[in-house]
C-alpha atoms as a PDB file:
ATOM      1  CA  MET A   1       0.000   0.000   0.000  1.00  0.00           C
ATOM      2  CA  ASN A   2       1.199   3.501  -0.755  1.00  0.00           C
ATOM      3  CA  GLU A   3       0.205   4.507   2.771  1.00  0.00           C
ATOM      4  CA  TYR A   4       2.979   2.323   4.177  1.00  0.00           C
ATOM      5  CA  ARG A   5       5.517   2.755   1.388  1.00  0.00           C
ATOM      6  CA  GLN A   6       7.807   4.851   3.590  1.00  0.00           C
ATOM      7  CA  ILE A   7       8.105   1.983   6.072  1.00  0.00           C
ATOM      8  CA  THR A   8       9.120  -0.403   3.299  1.00  0.00           C
ATOM      9  CA  GLU A   9      11.577   2.078   1.822  1.00  0.00           C
ATOM     10  CA  ALA A  10      13.221   2.711   5.204  1.00  0.00           C
ATOM     11  CA  PHE A  11      13.467  -1.040   5.797  1.00  0.00           C
ATOM     12  CA  GLN A  12      15.082  -1.631   2.394  1.00  0.00           C
ATOM     13  CA  GLU A  13      17.468   1.287   2.862  1.00  0.00           C
ATOM     14  CA  ASN A  14      18.798  -0.358   6.007  1.00  0.00           C
ATOM     15  CA  PHE A  15      20.043  -3.248   3.855  1.00  0.00           C
ATOM     16  CA  ARG A  16      21.085  -1.167   0.876  1.00  0.00           C
ATOM     17  CA  ASN A  17      23.064   1.529   2.697  1.00  0.00           C
ATOM     18  CA  TYR A  18      23.816   0.332   6.221  1.00  0.00           C
ATOM     19  CA  GLY A  19      24.928  -3.266   5.894  1.00  0.00           C
ATOM     20  CA  GLU A  20      21.991  -4.932   7.614  1.00  0.00           C
ATOM     21  CA  LEU A  21      22.326  -8.729   7.587  1.00  0.00           C
ATOM     22  CA  GLY A  22      18.779  -9.783   8.452  1.00  0.00           C
ATOM     23  CA  ALA A  23      15.701  -8.205   9.999  1.00  0.00           C
ATOM     24  CA  SER A  24      11.935  -8.252  10.255  1.00  0.00           C
ATOM     25  CA  VAL A  25       9.302  -5.605  10.984  1.00  0.00           C
ATOM     26  CA  SER A  26       5.763  -6.011  12.266  1.00  0.00           C
ATOM     27  CA  VAL A  27       3.447  -2.989  12.347  1.00  0.00           C
ATOM     28  CA  TRP A  28       0.036  -3.217  14.000  1.00  0.00           C
ATOM     29  CA  LYS A  29      -2.874  -0.799  14.043  1.00  0.00           C
ATOM     30  CA  GLU A  30      -6.130  -1.222  15.959  1.00  0.00           C
ATOM     31  CA  GLY A  31      -5.578  -4.891  16.686  1.00  0.00           C
ATOM     32  CA  ARG A  32      -4.415  -6.156  13.305  1.00  0.00           C
ATOM     33  CA  GLU A  33      -1.100  -6.452  11.524  1.00  0.00           C
ATOM     34  CA  ILE A  34      -0.915  -3.957   8.675  1.00  0.00           C
ATOM     35  CA  VAL A  35       2.738  -4.356   7.638  1.00  0.00           C
ATOM     36  CA  SER A  36       4.967  -7.446   7.776  1.00  0.00           C
ATOM     37  CA  LEU A  37       8.454  -7.241   6.306  1.00  0.00           C
ATOM     38  CA  HIS A  38      11.420  -9.586   6.449  1.00  0.00           C
ATOM     39  CA  SER A  39      14.631  -9.830   4.491  1.00  0.00           C
ATOM     40  CA  GLY A  40      18.240 -10.942   4.593  1.00  0.00           C
ATOM     41  CA  PHE A  41      19.862 -13.852   6.368  1.00  0.00           C
ATOM     42  CA  ALA A  42      19.865 -15.325   9.871  1.00  0.00           C
ATOM     43  CA  ALA A  43      23.639 -15.937   9.882  1.00  0.00           C
ATOM     44  CA  ALA A  44      26.701 -14.361   8.302  1.00  0.00           C
ATOM     45  CA  ASP A  45      27.363 -17.388   6.097  1.00  0.00           C
ATOM     46  CA  LYS A  46      24.044 -16.585   4.357  1.00  0.00           C
ATOM     47  CA  THR A  47      22.896 -20.193   4.363  1.00  0.00           C
ATOM     48  CA  ARG A  48      19.712 -19.466   6.328  1.00  0.00           C
ATOM     49  CA  PRO A  49      17.255 -16.856   5.050  1.00  0.00           C
ATOM     50  CA  TRP A  50      15.645 -14.536   7.553  1.00  0.00           C
ATOM     51  CA  THR A  51      11.901 -15.191   7.496  1.00  0.00           C
ATOM     52  CA  GLU A  52       8.869 -13.759   9.258  1.00  0.00           C
ATOM     53  CA  HIS A  53       9.257 -16.656  11.716  1.00  0.00           C
ATOM     54  CA  SER A  54      12.898 -15.965  12.589  1.00  0.00           C
ATOM     55  CA  LEU A  55      13.552 -15.561  16.306  1.00  0.00           C
ATOM     56  CA  VAL A  56      16.190 -13.455  18.015  1.00  0.00           C
ATOM     57  CA  PRO A  57      17.190 -12.746  21.645  1.00  0.00           C
ATOM     58  CA  VAL A  58      15.450  -9.508  22.594  1.00  0.00           C
ATOM     59  CA  TYR A  59      17.540  -8.641  25.655  1.00  0.00           C
ATOM     60  CA  SER A  60      15.847  -6.048  27.899  1.00  0.00           C
ATOM     61  CA  ALA A  61      12.645  -6.022  25.865  1.00  0.00           C
ATOM     62  CA  THR A  62      12.004  -9.147  27.977  1.00  0.00           C
ATOM     63  CA  LYS A  63      11.386  -6.878  30.965  1.00  0.00           C
ATOM     64  CA  GLY A  64       8.015  -5.718  29.651  1.00  0.00           C
ATOM     65  CA  ALA A  65       6.772  -9.272  29.195  1.00  0.00           C
ATOM     66  CA  ALA A  66       8.135 -10.448  32.542  1.00  0.00           C
ATOM     67  CA  SER A  67       6.629  -7.465  34.334  1.00  0.00           C
ATOM     68  CA  ALA A  68       3.242  -8.112  32.735  1.00  0.00           C
ATOM     69  CA  ALA A  69       3.411 -11.688  33.991  1.00  0.00           C
ATOM     70  CA  LEU A  70       4.033 -10.557  37.571  1.00  0.00           C
ATOM     71  CA  LEU A  71       1.226  -8.002  37.434  1.00  0.00           C
ATOM     72  CA  LEU A  72      -1.178 -10.652  36.161  1.00  0.00           C
ATOM     73  CA  ALA A  73      -0.120 -13.017  38.953  1.00  0.00           C
ATOM     74  CA  LEU A  74      -0.689 -10.300  41.551  1.00  0.00           C
ATOM     75  CA  HIS A  75      -4.182  -9.737  40.203  1.00  0.00           C
ATOM     76  CA  GLN A  76      -4.975 -13.451  40.187  1.00  0.00           C
ATOM     77  CA  GLN A  77      -3.929 -13.683  43.859  1.00  0.00           C
ATOM     78  CA  GLY A  78      -6.043 -10.693  44.885  1.00  0.00           C
ATOM     79  CA  ALA A  79      -3.016  -8.509  45.534  1.00  0.00           C
ATOM     80  CA  SER A  80      -1.758  -5.286  43.931  1.00  0.00           C
ATOM     81  CA  PRO A  81       1.540  -3.502  43.160  1.00  0.00           C
ATOM     82  CA  GLN A  82       0.985  -1.345  46.263  1.00  0.00           C
ATOM     83  CA  MET A  83       1.675  -4.357  48.461  1.00  0.00           C
ATOM     84  CA  SER A  84       4.968  -4.117  50.363  1.00  0.00           C
ATOM     85  CA  MET A  85       7.877  -6.283  49.271  1.00  0.00           C
ATOM     86  CA  GLY A  86       8.261  -7.555  52.838  1.00  0.00           C
ATOM     87  CA  GLU A  87       4.823  -9.174  52.840  1.00  0.00           C
ATOM     88  CA  LEU A  88       6.064 -11.661  50.252  1.00  0.00           C
ATOM     89  CA  TRP A  89       9.805 -11.470  50.834  1.00  0.00           C
ATOM     90  CA  PRO A  90      10.723 -10.526  54.436  1.00  0.00           C
ATOM     91  CA  GLU A  91      14.470 -10.800  53.710  1.00  0.00           C
ATOM     92  CA  PHE A  92      14.318  -8.198  50.921  1.00  0.00           C
ATOM     93  CA  PRO A  93      16.739  -5.341  51.716  1.00  0.00           C
ATOM     94  CA  LEU A  94      13.935  -2.740  51.602  1.00  0.00           C
ATOM     95  CA  PRO A  95      10.948  -4.678  52.968  1.00  0.00           C
ATOM     96  CA  TYR A  96       8.824  -1.524  53.350  1.00  0.00           C
ATOM     97  CA  ALA A  97       9.150  -0.626  49.650  1.00  0.00           C
ATOM     98  CA  SER A  98       6.130  -1.439  47.510  1.00  0.00           C
ATOM     99  CA  ILE A  99       6.202  -3.854  44.601  1.00  0.00           C
ATOM    100  CA  ALA A 100       5.441  -0.853  42.366  1.00  0.00           C
ATOM    101  CA  GLN A 101       8.538   0.918  43.690  1.00  0.00           C
ATOM    102  CA  MET A 102      10.662  -2.156  43.012  1.00  0.00           C
ATOM    103  CA  MET A 103       9.246  -2.469  39.489  1.00  0.00           C
ATOM    104  CA  SER A 104      10.024   1.206  38.832  1.00  0.00           C
ATOM    105  CA  HIS A 105      13.684   0.757  39.817  1.00  0.00           C
ATOM    106  CA  GLN A 106      13.517   2.649  43.111  1.00  0.00           C
ATOM    107  CA  CYS A 107      15.095   0.110  45.485  1.00  0.00           C
ATOM    108  CA  GLY A 108      18.786   0.846  44.825  1.00  0.00           C
ATOM    109  CA  LEU A 109      19.716  -2.755  44.021  1.00  0.00           C
ATOM    110  CA  ALA A 110      20.982  -2.314  40.463  1.00  0.00           C
ATOM    111  CA  ALA A 111      24.154  -4.257  41.327  1.00  0.00           C
ATOM    112  CA  PHE A 112      24.949  -7.048  43.775  1.00  0.00           C
ATOM    113  CA  SER A 113      27.559  -6.560  46.497  1.00  0.00           C
ATOM    114  CA  ARG A 114      29.335  -9.602  44.962  1.00  0.00           C
ATOM    115  CA  THR A 115      29.118 -11.591  41.755  1.00  0.00           C
ATOM    116  CA  ALA A 116      26.546 -14.347  41.273  1.00  0.00           C
ATOM    117  CA  SER A 117      25.774 -16.660  38.365  1.00  0.00           C
ATOM    118  CA  VAL A 118      22.696 -15.968  36.295  1.00  0.00           C
ATOM    119  CA  PHE A 119      22.151 -19.746  36.177  1.00  0.00           C
ATOM    120  CA  ASP A 120      21.920 -20.077  39.995  1.00  0.00           C
ATOM    121  CA  HIS A 121      18.745 -18.351  41.110  1.00  0.00           C
ATOM    122  CA  GLU A 122      19.125 -19.210  44.796  1.00  0.00           C
ATOM    123  CA  ASP A 123      22.614 -17.712  44.933  1.00  0.00           C
ATOM    124  CA  CYS A 124      21.369 -14.617  43.110  1.00  0.00           C
ATOM    125  CA  VAL A 125      18.669 -14.229  45.765  1.00  0.00           C
ATOM    126  CA  ARG A 126      21.251 -14.572  48.544  1.00  0.00           C
ATOM    127  CA  ALA A 127      23.522 -12.035  46.846  1.00  0.00           C
ATOM    128  CA  LEU A 128      20.648  -9.588  46.557  1.00  0.00           C
ATOM    129  CA  GLU A 129      19.638 -10.064  50.195  1.00  0.00           C
ATOM    130  CA  GLU A 130      23.250  -9.343  51.225  1.00  0.00           C
ATOM    131  CA  THR A 131      23.359  -6.096  49.228  1.00  0.00           C
ATOM    132  CA  VAL A 132      22.971  -2.703  50.890  1.00  0.00           C
ATOM    133  CA  PRO A 133      20.723  -0.494  48.710  1.00  0.00           C
ATOM    134  CA  ALA A 134      22.582   2.296  46.938  1.00  0.00           C
ATOM    135  CA  TRP A 135      19.507   4.522  47.193  1.00  0.00           C
ATOM    136  CA  GLN A 136      15.945   4.425  48.461  1.00  0.00           C
ATOM    137  CA  PRO A 137      12.600   5.623  47.108  1.00  0.00           C
ATOM    138  CA  PRO A 138      11.846   8.050  45.587  1.00  0.00           C
ATOM    139  CA  GLU A 139      15.290   7.976  43.976  1.00  0.00           C
ATOM    140  CA  HIS A 140      15.482   5.599  41.060  1.00  0.00           C
ATOM    141  CA  GLY A 141      18.058   4.097  38.705  1.00  0.00           C
ATOM    142  CA  TYR A 142      17.865   1.471  36.010  1.00  0.00           C
ATOM    143  CA  HIS A 143      18.412  -2.161  37.113  1.00  0.00           C
ATOM    144  CA  PRO A 144      19.543  -3.865  33.877  1.00  0.00           C
ATOM    145  CA  HIS A 145      20.134  -7.366  35.310  1.00  0.00           C
ATOM    146  CA  THR A 146      19.070  -7.656  38.954  1.00  0.00           C
ATOM    147  CA  TYR A 147      15.527  -6.609  38.040  1.00  0.00           C
ATOM    148  CA  GLY A 148      14.906 -10.102  36.696  1.00  0.00           C
ATOM    149  CA  VAL A 149      16.046 -11.760  39.927  1.00  0.00           C
ATOM    150  CA  MET A 150      13.540  -9.689  41.892  1.00  0.00           C
ATOM    151  CA  LEU A 151      10.678 -10.489  39.520  1.00  0.00           C
ATOM    152  CA  ASP A 152      11.535 -14.184  39.507  1.00  0.00           C
ATOM    153  CA  GLU A 153      11.722 -14.474  43.296  1.00  0.00           C
ATOM    154  CA  LEU A 154       8.474 -12.582  43.797  1.00  0.00           C
ATOM    155  CA  MET A 155       6.728 -14.829  41.276  1.00  0.00           C
ATOM    156  CA  LEU A 156       8.063 -17.914  43.052  1.00  0.00           C
ATOM    157  CA  ARG A 157       6.853 -16.707  46.434  1.00  0.00           C
ATOM    158  CA  LEU A 158       3.522 -15.597  45.008  1.00  0.00           C
ATOM    159  CA  THR A 159       2.626 -18.675  42.935  1.00  0.00           C
ATOM    160  CA  GLY A 160       5.206 -21.381  43.646  1.00  0.00           C
ATOM    161  CA  GLU A 161       6.331 -21.185  39.999  1.00  0.00           C
ATOM    162  CA  ARG A 162       9.307 -19.597  38.270  1.00  0.00           C
ATOM    163  CA  LEU A 163       8.363 -16.666  36.091  1.00  0.00           C
ATOM    164  CA  TRP A 164       9.200 -18.398  32.809  1.00  0.00           C
ATOM    165  CA  ARG A 165       6.764 -21.201  33.614  1.00  0.00           C
ATOM    166  CA  TYR A 166       3.979 -18.793  34.575  1.00  0.00           C
ATOM    167  CA  TRP A 167       4.541 -16.793  31.364  1.00  0.00           C
ATOM    168  CA  GLU A 168       4.280 -19.977  29.319  1.00  0.00           C
ATOM    169  CA  GLU A 169       1.099 -21.193  30.996  1.00  0.00           C
ATOM    170  CA  TYR A 170      -0.928 -18.019  31.388  1.00  0.00           C
ATOM    171  CA  ILE A 171       0.254 -15.706  28.612  1.00  0.00           C
ATOM    172  CA  ARG A 172       2.330 -17.230  25.812  1.00  0.00           C
ATOM    173  CA  LYS A 173       0.311 -20.408  25.194  1.00  0.00           C
ATOM    174  CA  PRO A 174      -3.171 -18.847  25.478  1.00  0.00           C
ATOM    175  CA  LEU A 175      -2.181 -16.094  23.033  1.00  0.00           C
ATOM    176  CA  ASN A 176      -0.058 -18.429  20.862  1.00  0.00           C
ATOM    177  CA  LEU A 177       2.768 -15.893  20.975  1.00  0.00           C
ATOM    178  CA  ASP A 178       6.063 -16.311  19.173  1.00  0.00           C
ATOM    179  CA  PHE A 179       7.691 -14.782  22.258  1.00  0.00           C
ATOM    180  CA  TYR A 180       9.448 -17.136  24.642  1.00  0.00           C
ATOM    181  CA  ILE A 181      11.012 -16.743  28.069  1.00  0.00           C
ATOM    182  CA  GLY A 182      12.743 -20.106  28.071  1.00  0.00           C
ATOM    183  CA  LEU A 183      12.938 -21.379  24.494  1.00  0.00           C
ATOM    184  CA  PRO A 184      12.088 -25.068  23.901  1.00  0.00           C
ATOM    185  CA  GLU A 185      14.582 -27.127  21.931  1.00  0.00           C
ATOM    186  CA  SER A 186      12.049 -27.592  19.136  1.00  0.00           C
ATOM    187  CA  GLU A 187      12.464 -23.894  18.255  1.00  0.00           C
ATOM    188  CA  TRP A 188      16.266 -23.596  18.371  1.00  0.00           C
ATOM    189  CA  ASN A 189      16.630 -23.908  14.604  1.00  0.00           C
ATOM    190  CA  ARG A 190      14.715 -20.639  14.134  1.00  0.00           C
ATOM    191  CA  VAL A 191      17.075 -18.472  16.198  1.00  0.00           C
ATOM    192  CA  ALA A 192      19.169 -15.981  14.234  1.00  0.00           C
ATOM    193  CA  THR A 193      22.815 -15.405  15.150  1.00  0.00           C
ATOM    194  CA  LEU A 194      23.671 -12.158  16.916  1.00  0.00           C
ATOM    195  CA  TYR A 195      26.749 -10.148  15.916  1.00  0.00           C
ATOM    196  CA  PRO A 196      28.330  -7.298  17.906  1.00  0.00           C
ATOM    197  CA  GLY A 197      27.504  -3.867  16.577  1.00  0.00           C
ATOM    198  CA  LYS A 198      30.286  -1.781  15.122  1.00  0.00           C
ATOM    199  CA  MET A 199      31.387   0.690  17.753  1.00  0.00           C
ATOM    200  CA  ASP A 200      31.359   4.358  16.839  1.00  0.00           C
ATOM    201  CA  MET A 201      34.431   5.542  18.696  1.00  0.00           C
ATOM    202  CA  SER A 202      32.932   8.995  19.084  1.00  0.00           C
ATOM    203  CA  ASN A 203      30.487   7.442  21.551  1.00  0.00           C
ATOM    204  CA  MET A 204      33.270   6.365  23.891  1.00  0.00           C
ATOM    205  CA  GLY A 205      33.447   9.838  25.409  1.00  0.00           C
ATOM    206  CA  THR A 206      29.760   9.939  26.332  1.00  0.00           C
ATOM    207  CA  PRO A 207      28.820   9.799  30.034  1.00  0.00           C
ATOM    208  CA  PHE A 208      27.340   6.317  29.780  1.00  0.00           C
ATOM    209  CA  TYR A 209      30.433   4.706  28.226  1.00  0.00           C
ATOM    210  CA  LEU A 210      32.805   6.554  30.533  1.00  0.00           C
ATOM    211  CA  GLU A 211      30.922   5.012  33.453  1.00  0.00           C
ATOM    212  CA  TYR A 212      30.513   1.612  31.813  1.00  0.00           C
ATOM    213  CA  MET A 213      34.201   1.231  30.943  1.00  0.00           C
ATOM    214  CA  ASN A 214      35.394   2.329  34.400  1.00  0.00           C
ATOM    215  CA  LYS A 215      35.526  -0.744  36.649  1.00  0.00           C
ATOM    216  CA  GLY A 216      33.737  -0.311  39.950  1.00  0.00           C
ATOM    217  CA  THR A 217      31.425   2.520  38.920  1.00  0.00           C
ATOM    218  CA  PRO A 218      27.671   2.071  39.530  1.00  0.00           C
ATOM    219  CA  VAL A 219      26.976   1.585  35.810  1.00  0.00           C
ATOM    220  CA  ASN A 220      29.813  -0.905  35.354  1.00  0.00           C
ATOM    221  CA  ARG A 221      28.744  -2.928  38.382  1.00  0.00           C
ATOM    222  CA  ALA A 222      25.087  -2.916  37.286  1.00  0.00           C
ATOM    223  CA  PHE A 223      26.078  -4.756  34.112  1.00  0.00           C
ATOM    224  CA  ASN A 224      28.757  -7.041  35.549  1.00  0.00           C
ATOM    225  CA  THR A 225      27.870  -8.425  38.997  1.00  0.00           C
ATOM    226  CA  LEU A 226      25.380 -10.892  37.479  1.00  0.00           C
ATOM    227  CA  ILE A 227      27.646 -13.127  35.416  1.00  0.00           C
ATOM    228  CA  GLY A 228      27.220 -15.871  32.836  1.00  0.00           C
ATOM    229  CA  LEU A 229      25.471 -14.088  29.957  1.00  0.00           C
ATOM    230  CA  ASN A 230      27.494 -10.928  29.520  1.00  0.00           C
ATOM    231  CA  SER A 231      28.573 -11.150  25.879  1.00  0.00           C
ATOM    232  CA  VAL A 232      26.991 -11.515  22.470  1.00  0.00           C
ATOM    233  CA  ARG A 233      28.821 -14.821  22.072  1.00  0.00           C
ATOM    234  CA  GLN A 234      27.177 -16.159  25.220  1.00  0.00           C
ATOM    235  CA  MET A 235      23.753 -14.995  24.053  1.00  0.00           C
ATOM    236  CA  ASN A 236      24.151 -17.114  20.910  1.00  0.00           C
ATOM    237  CA  THR A 237      24.068 -20.345  22.925  1.00  0.00           C
ATOM    238  CA  PRO A 238      21.165 -22.662  23.824  1.00  0.00           C
ATOM    239  CA  GLU A 239      22.074 -22.078  27.475  1.00  0.00           C
ATOM    240  CA  ALA A 240      21.028 -18.455  27.027  1.00  0.00           C
ATOM    241  CA  TRP A 241      17.857 -19.284  25.105  1.00  0.00           C
ATOM    242  CA  VAL A 242      16.572 -21.764  27.694  1.00  0.00           C
ATOM    243  CA  SER A 243      17.668 -19.736  30.731  1.00  0.00           C
ATOM    244  CA  GLY A 244      14.338 -17.974  31.144  1.00  0.00           C
ATOM    245  CA  VAL A 245      16.063 -14.903  32.617  1.00  0.00           C
ATOM    246  CA  PRO A 246      13.254 -12.364  33.146  1.00  0.00           C
ATOM    247  CA  ALA A 247      15.466  -9.285  32.693  1.00  0.00           C
ATOM    248  CA  PHE A 248      17.029 -10.104  29.330  1.00  0.00           C
ATOM    249  CA  GLY A 249      16.533 -13.757  28.333  1.00  0.00           C
ATOM    250  CA  GLY A 250      13.518 -13.520  26.023  1.00  0.00           C
ATOM    251  CA  VAL A 251      13.565 -14.804  22.439  1.00  0.00           C
ATOM    252  CA  ALA A 252      10.938 -13.554  20.005  1.00  0.00           C
ATOM    253  CA  SER A 253       9.934 -12.747  16.470  1.00  0.00           C
ATOM    254  CA  ALA A 254       8.840  -9.228  15.557  1.00  0.00           C
ATOM    255  CA  ARG A 255       5.259 -10.428  15.178  1.00  0.00           C
ATOM    256  CA  GLY A 256       5.343 -12.255  18.503  1.00  0.00           C
ATOM    257  CA  MET A 257       6.432  -9.170  20.384  1.00  0.00           C
ATOM    258  CA  ALA A 258       3.886  -6.976  18.627  1.00  0.00           C
ATOM    259  CA  GLN A 259       1.073  -9.417  19.425  1.00  0.00           C
ATOM    260  CA  PHE A 260       2.057  -9.339  23.092  1.00  0.00           C
ATOM    261  CA  TYR A 261       1.703  -5.575  23.221  1.00  0.00           C
ATOM    262  CA  GLN A 262      -1.651  -5.799  21.478  1.00  0.00           C
ATOM    263  CA  ALA A 263      -2.764  -7.897  24.445  1.00  0.00           C
ATOM    264  CA  CYS A 264      -1.424  -5.216  26.797  1.00  0.00           C
ATOM    265  CA  LEU A 265      -3.815  -2.813  25.051  1.00  0.00           C
ATOM    266  CA  GLY A 266      -6.719  -5.201  25.511  1.00  0.00           C
ATOM    267  CA  LEU A 267      -6.941  -5.854  21.771  1.00  0.00           C
ATOM    268  CA  ASP A 268      -6.627  -9.633  22.021  1.00  0.00           C
ATOM    269  CA  GLU A 269      -9.767 -11.764  21.755  1.00  0.00           C
ATOM    270  CA  LEU A 270      -9.084 -13.554  25.054  1.00  0.00           C
ATOM    271  CA  ARG A 271      -8.501 -10.372  27.062  1.00  0.00           C
ATOM    272  CA  VAL A 272      -5.708 -12.114  28.953  1.00  0.00           C
ATOM    273  CA  PHE A 273      -4.967  -8.954  30.919  1.00  0.00           C
ATOM    274  CA  PRO A 274      -7.968  -7.680  32.935  1.00  0.00           C
ATOM    275  CA  SER A 275      -8.701  -3.953  32.936  1.00  0.00           C
ATOM    276  CA  ASP A 276      -7.111  -3.498  36.383  1.00  0.00           C
ATOM    277  CA  VAL A 277      -3.846  -5.001  35.138  1.00  0.00           C
ATOM    278  CA  ARG A 278      -3.892  -2.834  32.019  1.00  0.00           C
ATOM    279  CA  GLY A 279      -4.417   0.156  34.283  1.00  0.00           C
ATOM    280  CA  TRP A 280      -1.328  -0.769  36.303  1.00  0.00           C
ATOM    281  CA  MET A 281       0.607  -1.023  33.038  1.00  0.00           C
ATOM    282  CA  ARG A 282      -0.433   2.484  31.994  1.00  0.00           C
ATOM    283  CA  ASN A 283       0.391   4.098  35.325  1.00  0.00           C
ATOM    284  CA  VAL A 284       3.664   6.059  35.376  1.00  0.00           C
ATOM    285  CA  VAL A 285       5.099   5.455  38.842  1.00  0.00           C
ATOM    286  CA  ILE A 286       8.251   7.568  38.663  1.00  0.00           C
ATOM    287  CA  ASP A 287      10.124   9.796  36.221  1.00  0.00           C
ATOM    288  CA  GLY A 288      13.256  11.920  36.219  1.00  0.00           C
ATOM    289  CA  PRO A 289      17.076  11.639  36.427  1.00  0.00           C
ATOM    290  CA  ASP A 290      18.690   8.268  37.042  1.00  0.00           C
ATOM    291  CA  ALA A 291      20.358   7.819  40.427  1.00  0.00           C
ATOM    292  CA  ALA A 292      23.428   6.273  38.786  1.00  0.00           C
ATOM    293  CA  PRO A 293      25.802   9.144  37.920  1.00  0.00           C
ATOM    294  CA  SER A 294      25.594  10.663  34.467  1.00  0.00           C
ATOM    295  CA  VAL A 295      22.836   8.337  33.257  1.00  0.00           C
ATOM    296  CA  ARG A 296      19.387   9.527  32.353  1.00  0.00           C
ATOM    297  CA  LEU A 297      16.478   7.226  33.116  1.00  0.00           C
ATOM    298  CA  ARG A 298      14.402   8.285  30.160  1.00  0.00           C
ATOM    299  CA  ARG A 299      15.983   8.843  26.764  1.00  0.00           C
ATOM    300  CA  LEU A 300      13.578  10.292  24.253  1.00  0.00           C
ATOM    301  CA  ARG A 301      13.906  11.302  20.666  1.00  0.00           C
ATOM    302  CA  SER A 302      11.563  13.028  18.270  1.00  0.00           C
ATOM    303  CA  CYS A 303       9.766  10.918  15.701  1.00  0.00           C
ATOM    304  CA  ARG A 304       7.200  12.655  13.505  1.00  0.00           C
ATOM    305  CA  GLY A 305       5.529  14.373  16.413  1.00  0.00           C
ATOM    306  CA  GLY A 306       5.650  11.341  18.706  1.00  0.00           C
ATOM    307  CA  ARG A 307       8.199  10.313  21.309  1.00  0.00           C
ATOM    308  CA  PHE A 308       9.814   6.887  21.408  1.00  0.00           C
ATOM    309  CA  PRO A 309      11.688   5.613  24.467  1.00  0.00           C
ATOM    310  CA  CYS A 310      14.704   3.405  23.815  1.00  0.00           C
ATOM    311  CA  LEU A 311      13.221  -0.100  23.472  1.00  0.00           C
ATOM    312  CA  CYS A 312      15.922  -1.982  25.363  1.00  0.00           C
ATOM    313  CA  GLY A 313      17.333   0.898  27.392  1.00  0.00           C
ATOM    314  CA  SER A 314      16.355   2.496  30.666  1.00  0.00           C
ATOM    315  CA  SER A 315      12.724   3.209  31.406  1.00  0.00           C
ATOM    316  CA  PRO A 316      10.877   4.714  34.378  1.00  0.00           C
ATOM    317  CA  ARG A 317       8.773   1.555  34.443  1.00  0.00           C
ATOM    318  CA  PRO A 318       8.925  -1.849  32.799  1.00  0.00           C
ATOM    319  CA  PHE A 319       6.677  -0.812  29.921  1.00  0.00           C
ATOM    320  CA  LEU A 320       7.123   1.556  27.016  1.00  0.00           C
ATOM    321  CA  ARG A 321       4.938   4.585  26.543  1.00  0.00           C
ATOM    322  CA  LEU A 322       4.302   6.494  23.350  1.00  0.00           C
ATOM    323  CA  ARG A 323       1.859   9.174  22.300  1.00  0.00           C
ATOM    324  CA  ASP A 324       1.351  10.130  18.686  1.00  0.00           C
ATOM    325  CA  GLU A 325      -1.577  11.963  17.134  1.00  0.00           C
ATOM    326  CA  PRO A 326      -4.115  11.178  15.915  1.00  0.00           C
ATOM    327  CA  HIS A 327      -3.876   7.721  17.474  1.00  0.00           C
ATOM    328  CA  GLY A 328      -3.034   7.989  21.175  1.00  0.00           C
ATOM    329  CA  LEU A 329      -1.201   4.872  22.286  1.00  0.00           C
ATOM    330  CA  GLU A 330       0.388   3.470  25.401  1.00  0.00           C
ATOM    331  CA  ARG A 331       2.391   0.334  25.836  1.00  0.00           C
ATOM    332  CA  ALA A 332       3.696  -0.801  28.530  1.00  0.00           C
ATOM    333  CA  ALA A 333      10.311  -4.317  31.916  1.00  0.00           C
ATOM    334  CA  ARG A 334      15.312 -22.522  45.030  1.00  0.00           C
ATOM    335  CA  ARG A 335      13.530 -22.263  47.998  1.00  0.00           C
ATOM    336  CA  GLU A 336      13.300 -25.828  49.412  1.00  0.00           C
ATOM    337  CA  ASP A 337       9.660 -25.369  50.376  1.00  0.00           C
ATOM    338  CA  PRO A 338       8.141 -22.468  48.399  1.00  0.00           C
ATOM    339  CA  LYS A 339       4.903 -21.269  49.910  1.00  0.00           C
ATOM    340  CA  PRO A 340       2.587 -19.682  47.345  1.00  0.00           C
ATOM    341  CA  TYR A 341       1.105 -16.431  48.577  1.00  0.00           C
ATOM    342  CA  GLN A 342      -2.610 -16.678  49.334  1.00  0.00           C
ATOM    343  CA  ARG A 343      -4.666 -13.607  50.100  1.00  0.00           C
ATOM    344  CA  SER A 344      -8.199 -12.309  49.562  1.00  0.00           C
ATOM    345  CA  HIS A 345      -8.340  -9.083  49.442  1.00  0.00           C
ATOM    346  CA  GLU A 346      -7.616   0.902  25.087  1.00  0.00           C
ATOM    347  CA  ARG A 347      -7.129   1.914  23.217  1.00  0.00           C
ATOM    348  CA  SER A 348      -6.153   1.747  19.477  1.00  0.00           C
ATOM    349  CA  GLY A 349      -2.893   2.888  17.979  1.00  0.00           C
ATOM    350  CA  TRP A 350       0.317   1.904  16.293  1.00  0.00           C
ATOM    351  CA  ARG A 351       2.751  -0.832  17.214  1.00  0.00           C
ATOM    352  CA  VAL A 352       6.078  -1.135  15.460  1.00  0.00           C
ATOM    353  CA  PHE A 353       8.547  -3.871  16.382  1.00  0.00           C
ATOM    354  CA  LEU A 354      11.834  -4.722  14.754  1.00  0.00           C
ATOM    355  CA  THR A 355      14.112  -7.685  15.290  1.00  0.00           C
END
């Protein structure tokens, strides 16, 4: 369609002028896919074509899905994000903080006090419990890796299940999403190979990279105290795909991710997310400067009158938010004897996802 020609032209230009190897795009409007593009190859040897069904690790875009899973579990148990962390997890370093404050990166636990393996959840929990918070609410700073440990442990204490299993049972399977947190072996052959991006050396002097490259700084520690999946090479392994890490272990196709966010808008036939949960997704809990030095929590750029947050970068909450006229739009990152917690107590718009 001529209406979407610019999308196609921009997609093709990425291959023609910028050396793209393989990619796919899924654009949705008012609950239906209106553009689906795919091209290139899934590996540098060009033996596998990139198709609309190609999967790729989506890193921190997993946070939105994992966060939605926890919110749904809270709703199913009759709880809410205003519940204190200590009610579920007494050993949490800030037991008086609310779940909403934890999910909006306010608990000052962006890095462990020591290293722990991403493949050992119990040790990660111990490391987190041993850590003294670097800040307290209402200060906030992005938790790139430890965020997943907190979500996973809360889910375990709330339901008795790890987050990846809950996601599979209550969200991915019912919606038939091509978006996995814990990829089954039957799907491994669809995963495209990741390659490190070419570094623009002019970026090395920016505040983020100065912090990241300086060992012991808050930013460096936030990315390096959870070990085991810290390189692109490691993310290309089945161990990464099956890990089910809630902060950055998701594997998805462009269409699968877009369909998930349609459900967050209430545009899925099953209405997997009740209206209360969708309301929690829309609520902005905190905004402003990041507590880690020289890092901004929200990075925005202009895009034809709208504003797009960085998809896999820092966010004031685990969901993405975008407004663009005329279509307003919002989108929303063991224990030996686990005791499940028991307690009584829409819109239309655009979705664009690239992989």
